[in-house]
Amino acid sequence: MIILQVVGYKNSGKTRLSSYFIREGTAEGFKVGSIKHHAHGTPDIIEETDSAKHMKSGAEIAGVYGGGRLDLSIMNEEFSIARLAECYEKMGINLLIIEGFKQESYPKVVLLREDNDLQILQDVKNVVAVVCNNGCDTITNAQWPSFQSSDLKNISLWYATFLKSPPSVK
């Protein structure tokens, strides 16, 4: 399974770029899955649903299935991203887009809002590309391919190459 992380500080465009990668991957015939970091604690549960009642009654996993769609709620603080990725792969996913989780070591596209965000490049591992919103003129080295966020043509060309020959996931 190919895994690509999209990381950056708040309001850097992570969801927009993740959605773009999901659309492009789907168009190329991949079975795409996604995981998004919820930075504000536990995601809200819609209280009135039967699955919420199941969770409150002690179920670690509650699912709702209908019309070809499965929604799962899983309460397990011991899950790692690696274990979640294994689950996705067992469900037939062959491309996983992970939004956030900066500390993970999967290949990353780093989004920068401005030059002040450059510290993130020192704080994360396995950067494969950088996408800048506002100039980011200080990125002049060739350590990573870098793009303006508006340059979808070249981001798309880079992404197609990445999908054909992804780095190995350690």
C-alpha atoms as a PDB file:
ATOM      1  CA  MET A   1       0.000   0.000   0.000  1.00  0.00           C
ATOM      2  CA  ILE A   2       1.205   3.487  -0.834  1.00  0.00           C
ATOM      3  CA  ILE A   3       1.050   5.961   2.058  1.00  0.00           C
ATOM      4  CA  LEU A   4       1.414   9.735   1.791  1.00  0.00           C
ATOM      5  CA  GLN A   5       1.090  12.203   4.640  1.00  0.00           C
ATOM      6  CA  VAL A   6       0.024  15.813   4.237  1.00  0.00           C
ATOM      7  CA  VAL A   7       1.234  17.950   7.134  1.00  0.00           C
ATOM      8  CA  GLY A   8       1.427  21.629   8.010  1.00  0.00           C
ATOM      9  CA  TYR A   9       0.342  24.134  10.591  1.00  0.00           C
ATOM     10  CA  LYS A  10      -3.294  25.147  11.077  1.00  0.00           C
ATOM     11  CA  ASN A  11      -4.940  26.762   8.035  1.00  0.00           C
ATOM     12  CA  SER A  12      -2.093  25.821   5.703  1.00  0.00           C
ATOM     13  CA  GLY A  13      -4.362  24.001   3.224  1.00  0.00           C
ATOM     14  CA  LYS A  14      -3.935  20.395   4.393  1.00  0.00           C
ATOM     15  CA  THR A  15      -7.530  19.346   3.781  1.00  0.00           C
ATOM     16  CA  ARG A  16      -7.622  21.039   0.363  1.00  0.00           C
ATOM     17  CA  LEU A  17      -4.427  19.272  -0.757  1.00  0.00           C
ATOM     18  CA  SER A  18      -5.442  15.945   0.823  1.00  0.00           C
ATOM     19  CA  SER A  19      -8.765  16.097  -1.042  1.00  0.00           C
ATOM     20  CA  TYR A  20      -6.904  16.862  -4.263  1.00  0.00           C
ATOM     21  CA  PHE A  21      -4.617  13.842  -3.770  1.00  0.00           C
ATOM     22  CA  ILE A  22      -7.640  11.652  -2.996  1.00  0.00           C
ATOM     23  CA  ARG A  23      -9.445  12.788  -6.180  1.00  0.00           C
ATOM     24  CA  GLU A  24      -6.338  12.319  -8.335  1.00  0.00           C
ATOM     25  CA  GLY A  25      -5.600   8.882  -6.854  1.00  0.00           C
ATOM     26  CA  THR A  26      -9.189   7.770  -7.385  1.00  0.00           C
ATOM     27  CA  ALA A  27      -9.066   9.007 -10.989  1.00  0.00           C
ATOM     28  CA  GLU A  28      -5.920   6.900 -11.507  1.00  0.00           C
ATOM     29  CA  GLY A  29      -7.770   3.769 -10.352  1.00  0.00           C
ATOM     30  CA  PHE A  30      -6.482   3.510  -6.787  1.00  0.00           C
ATOM     31  CA  LYS A  31      -8.707   2.435  -3.920  1.00  0.00           C
ATOM     32  CA  VAL A  32      -8.062   5.419  -1.691  1.00  0.00           C
ATOM     33  CA  GLY A  33      -8.493   5.705   2.057  1.00  0.00           C
ATOM     34  CA  SER A  34      -7.838   8.615   4.356  1.00  0.00           C
ATOM     35  CA  ILE A  35      -7.114   9.258   8.013  1.00  0.00           C
ATOM     36  CA  LYS A  36      -7.351  12.768   9.442  1.00  0.00           C
ATOM     37  CA  HIS A  37      -5.880  13.829  12.751  1.00  0.00           C
ATOM     38  CA  HIS A  38      -8.469  15.344  15.053  1.00  0.00           C
ATOM     39  CA  ALA A  39      -6.362  17.768  17.058  1.00  0.00           C
ATOM     40  CA  HIS A  40      -9.091  18.713  19.496  1.00  0.00           C
ATOM     41  CA  GLY A  41      -9.468  15.503  21.520  1.00  0.00           C
ATOM     42  CA  THR A  42     -12.013  12.824  20.742  1.00  0.00           C
ATOM     43  CA  PRO A  43     -14.222  13.462  17.694  1.00  0.00           C
ATOM     44  CA  ASP A  44     -17.821  14.297  18.572  1.00  0.00           C
ATOM     45  CA  ILE A  45     -20.331  11.485  18.616  1.00  0.00           C
ATOM     46  CA  ILE A  46     -23.836  12.225  17.405  1.00  0.00           C
ATOM     47  CA  GLU A  47     -25.618  11.418  20.646  1.00  0.00           C
ATOM     48  CA  GLU A  48     -28.993  10.257  19.330  1.00  0.00           C
ATOM     49  CA  THR A  49     -27.718   7.525  17.018  1.00  0.00           C
ATOM     50  CA  ASP A  50     -27.980   3.844  17.791  1.00  0.00           C
ATOM     51  CA  SER A  51     -24.247   3.400  17.238  1.00  0.00           C
ATOM     52  CA  ALA A  52     -23.563   6.114  19.856  1.00  0.00           C
ATOM     53  CA  LYS A  53     -25.790   4.218  22.273  1.00  0.00           C
ATOM     54  CA  HIS A  54     -23.784   1.055  21.512  1.00  0.00           C
ATOM     55  CA  MET A  55     -20.520   2.908  22.226  1.00  0.00           C
ATOM     56  CA  LYS A  56     -21.884   4.337  25.476  1.00  0.00           C
ATOM     57  CA  SER A  57     -22.932   0.824  26.469  1.00  0.00           C
ATOM     58  CA  GLY A  58     -19.333  -0.348  26.168  1.00  0.00           C
ATOM     59  CA  ALA A  59     -18.787  -1.425  22.559  1.00  0.00           C
ATOM     60  CA  GLU A  60     -15.219  -0.732  21.411  1.00  0.00           C
ATOM     61  CA  ILE A  61     -16.364  -0.818  17.783  1.00  0.00           C
ATOM     62  CA  ALA A  62     -19.807   0.197  16.557  1.00  0.00           C
ATOM     63  CA  GLY A  63     -20.725   0.166  12.905  1.00  0.00           C
ATOM     64  CA  VAL A  64     -23.583   1.356  10.770  1.00  0.00           C
ATOM     65  CA  TYR A  65     -23.982  -0.265   7.364  1.00  0.00           C
ATOM     66  CA  GLY A  66     -26.470   0.472   4.610  1.00  0.00           C
ATOM     67  CA  GLY A  67     -26.587   1.241   0.926  1.00  0.00           C
ATOM     68  CA  GLY A  68     -23.005   0.100   0.419  1.00  0.00           C
ATOM     69  CA  ARG A  69     -21.609   2.448   3.093  1.00  0.00           C
ATOM     70  CA  LEU A  70     -20.003   1.440   6.384  1.00  0.00           C
ATOM     71  CA  ASP A  71     -19.338   3.977   9.132  1.00  0.00           C
ATOM     72  CA  LEU A  72     -17.278   2.702  12.038  1.00  0.00           C
ATOM     73  CA  SER A  73     -16.654   4.244  15.402  1.00  0.00           C
ATOM     74  CA  ILE A  74     -13.767   2.682  17.293  1.00  0.00           C
ATOM     75  CA  MET A  75     -12.780   3.599  20.828  1.00  0.00           C
ATOM     76  CA  ASN A  76      -9.293   2.271  21.486  1.00  0.00           C
ATOM     77  CA  GLU A  77      -6.534   4.542  22.753  1.00  0.00           C
ATOM     78  CA  GLU A  78      -3.902   1.940  21.877  1.00  0.00           C
ATOM     79  CA  PHE A  79      -4.363   2.254  18.105  1.00  0.00           C
ATOM     80  CA  SER A  80      -1.321   3.431  16.228  1.00  0.00           C
ATOM     81  CA  ILE A  81      -1.331   4.876  12.732  1.00  0.00           C
ATOM     82  CA  ALA A  82       0.594   1.782  11.606  1.00  0.00           C
ATOM     83  CA  ARG A  83      -2.156  -0.468  12.945  1.00  0.00           C
ATOM     84  CA  LEU A  84      -4.860   1.657  11.350  1.00  0.00           C
ATOM     85  CA  ALA A  85      -2.975   1.496   8.040  1.00  0.00           C
ATOM     86  CA  GLU A  86      -2.938  -2.312   8.311  1.00  0.00           C
ATOM     87  CA  CYS A  87      -6.719  -2.271   8.781  1.00  0.00           C
ATOM     88  CA  TYR A  88      -7.174  -0.074   5.723  1.00  0.00           C
ATOM     89  CA  GLU A  89      -4.973  -2.376   3.668  1.00  0.00           C
ATOM     90  CA  LYS A  90      -6.974  -5.438   4.773  1.00  0.00           C
ATOM     91  CA  MET A  91     -10.098  -3.641   3.519  1.00  0.00           C
ATOM     92  CA  GLY A  92      -8.568  -3.366   0.034  1.00  0.00           C
ATOM     93  CA  ILE A  93      -7.176   0.169   0.209  1.00  0.00           C
ATOM     94  CA  ASN A  94      -3.989   0.550  -1.851  1.00  0.00           C
ATOM     95  CA  LEU A  95      -3.430   4.312  -1.385  1.00  0.00           C
ATOM     96  CA  LEU A  96      -3.718   5.925   2.036  1.00  0.00           C
ATOM     97  CA  ILE A  97      -3.660   9.700   2.500  1.00  0.00           C
ATOM     98  CA  ILE A  98      -2.902  10.678   6.088  1.00  0.00           C
ATOM     99  CA  GLU A  99      -3.688  14.279   7.028  1.00  0.00           C
ATOM    100  CA  GLY A 100      -1.684  15.436  10.009  1.00  0.00           C
ATOM    101  CA  PHE A 101       0.154  13.240  12.521  1.00  0.00           C
ATOM    102  CA  LYS A 102       3.431  15.131  11.993  1.00  0.00           C
ATOM    103  CA  GLN A 103       5.348  12.751  14.265  1.00  0.00           C
ATOM    104  CA  GLU A 104       4.754   9.735  12.012  1.00  0.00           C
ATOM    105  CA  SER A 105       7.539   8.724   9.645  1.00  0.00           C
ATOM    106  CA  TYR A 106       5.640   8.112   6.398  1.00  0.00           C
ATOM    107  CA  PRO A 107       6.533  10.106   3.260  1.00  0.00           C
ATOM    108  CA  LYS A 108       5.282  13.662   3.747  1.00  0.00           C
ATOM    109  CA  VAL A 109       4.197  16.630   1.719  1.00  0.00           C
ATOM    110  CA  VAL A 110       4.731  19.653   3.963  1.00  0.00           C
ATOM    111  CA  LEU A 111       2.574  22.742   3.507  1.00  0.00           C
ATOM    112  CA  LEU A 112       3.965  26.148   4.395  1.00  0.00           C
ATOM    113  CA  ARG A 113       1.800  29.233   4.786  1.00  0.00           C
ATOM    114  CA  GLU A 114       4.784  31.575   4.881  1.00  0.00           C
ATOM    115  CA  ASP A 115       8.506  31.643   5.585  1.00  0.00           C
ATOM    116  CA  ASN A 116       7.773  31.666   9.337  1.00  0.00           C
ATOM    117  CA  ASP A 117       6.586  28.045   8.983  1.00  0.00           C
ATOM    118  CA  LEU A 118      10.004  26.763   7.906  1.00  0.00           C
ATOM    119  CA  GLN A 119      10.661  25.242  11.364  1.00  0.00           C
ATOM    120  CA  ILE A 120       8.327  22.376  10.529  1.00  0.00           C
ATOM    121  CA  LEU A 121      10.870  21.137   7.970  1.00  0.00           C
ATOM    122  CA  GLN A 122      13.309  20.583  10.850  1.00  0.00           C
ATOM    123  CA  ASP A 123      10.680  18.968  13.067  1.00  0.00           C
ATOM    124  CA  VAL A 124       9.371  16.231  10.762  1.00  0.00           C
ATOM    125  CA  LYS A 125      10.916  13.193   9.079  1.00  0.00           C
ATOM    126  CA  ASN A 126      10.691  11.850   5.554  1.00  0.00           C
ATOM    127  CA  VAL A 127       9.755  14.999   3.620  1.00  0.00           C
ATOM    128  CA  VAL A 128       9.205  14.233  -0.077  1.00  0.00           C
ATOM    129  CA  ALA A 129       7.816  17.591  -1.262  1.00  0.00           C
ATOM    130  CA  VAL A 130       6.987  21.089  -0.047  1.00  0.00           C
ATOM    131  CA  VAL A 131       3.965  23.159  -1.063  1.00  0.00           C
ATOM    132  CA  CYS A 132       4.014  26.888  -0.297  1.00  0.00           C
ATOM    133  CA  ASN A 133       1.063  29.239  -0.084  1.00  0.00           C
ATOM    134  CA  ASN A 134       2.875  32.573  -0.092  1.00  0.00           C
ATOM    135  CA  GLY A 135       6.210  32.612  -1.828  1.00  0.00           C
ATOM    136  CA  CYS A 136       8.462  30.697   0.560  1.00  0.00           C
ATOM    137  CA  ASP A 137      11.412  32.237  -1.260  1.00  0.00           C
ATOM    138  CA  THR A 138      13.905  30.852   1.260  1.00  0.00           C
ATOM    139  CA  ILE A 139      13.413  27.305  -0.017  1.00  0.00           C
ATOM    140  CA  THR A 140      16.044  27.402  -2.692  1.00  0.00           C
ATOM    141  CA  ASN A 141      17.822  24.121  -2.085  1.00  0.00           C
ATOM    142  CA  ALA A 142      17.046  21.069  -4.132  1.00  0.00           C
ATOM    143  CA  GLN A 143      16.577  18.843  -1.088  1.00  0.00           C
ATOM    144  CA  TRP A 144      12.857  18.566  -1.862  1.00  0.00           C
ATOM    145  CA  PRO A 145      10.693  19.378  -4.832  1.00  0.00           C
ATOM    146  CA  SER A 146       8.784  22.559  -3.951  1.00  0.00           C
ATOM    147  CA  PHE A 147       5.664  24.055  -5.491  1.00  0.00           C
ATOM    148  CA  GLN A 148       3.353  27.005  -5.079  1.00  0.00           C
ATOM    149  CA  SER A 149      -0.061  25.821  -3.881  1.00  0.00           C
ATOM    150  CA  SER A 150      -1.637  27.349  -6.995  1.00  0.00           C
ATOM    151  CA  ASP A 151       0.616  25.268  -9.300  1.00  0.00           C
ATOM    152  CA  LEU A 152      -1.678  22.246  -9.573  1.00  0.00           C
ATOM    153  CA  LYS A 153      -0.183  21.225 -12.905  1.00  0.00           C
ATOM    154  CA  ASN A 154       3.285  20.595 -11.455  1.00  0.00           C
ATOM    155  CA  ILE A 155       1.921  19.225  -8.176  1.00  0.00           C
ATOM    156  CA  SER A 156      -0.089  16.749 -10.263  1.00  0.00           C
ATOM    157  CA  LEU A 157       2.977  15.747 -12.305  1.00  0.00           C
ATOM    158  CA  TRP A 158       4.979  15.230  -9.101  1.00  0.00           C
ATOM    159  CA  TYR A 159       2.135  13.203  -7.546  1.00  0.00           C
ATOM    160  CA  ALA A 160       1.827  10.951 -10.619  1.00  0.00           C
ATOM    161  CA  THR A 161       5.560  10.215 -10.380  1.00  0.00           C
ATOM    162  CA  PHE A 162       5.249   9.565  -6.639  1.00  0.00           C
ATOM    163  CA  LEU A 163       2.415   7.084  -7.220  1.00  0.00           C
ATOM    164  CA  LYS A 164       4.420   5.214  -9.888  1.00  0.00           C
ATOM    165  CA  SER A 165       7.513   4.948  -7.728  1.00  0.00           C
ATOM    166  CA  PRO A 166       6.747   5.646  -4.069  1.00  0.00           C
ATOM    167  CA  PRO A 167       9.541   5.529  -1.495  1.00  0.00           C
ATOM    168  CA  SER A 168       9.500   2.450   0.690  1.00  0.00           C
ATOM    169  CA  VAL A 169       7.598   2.845   3.950  1.00  0.00           C
ATOM    170  CA  LYS A 170       9.739   1.958   6.934  1.00  0.00           C
END
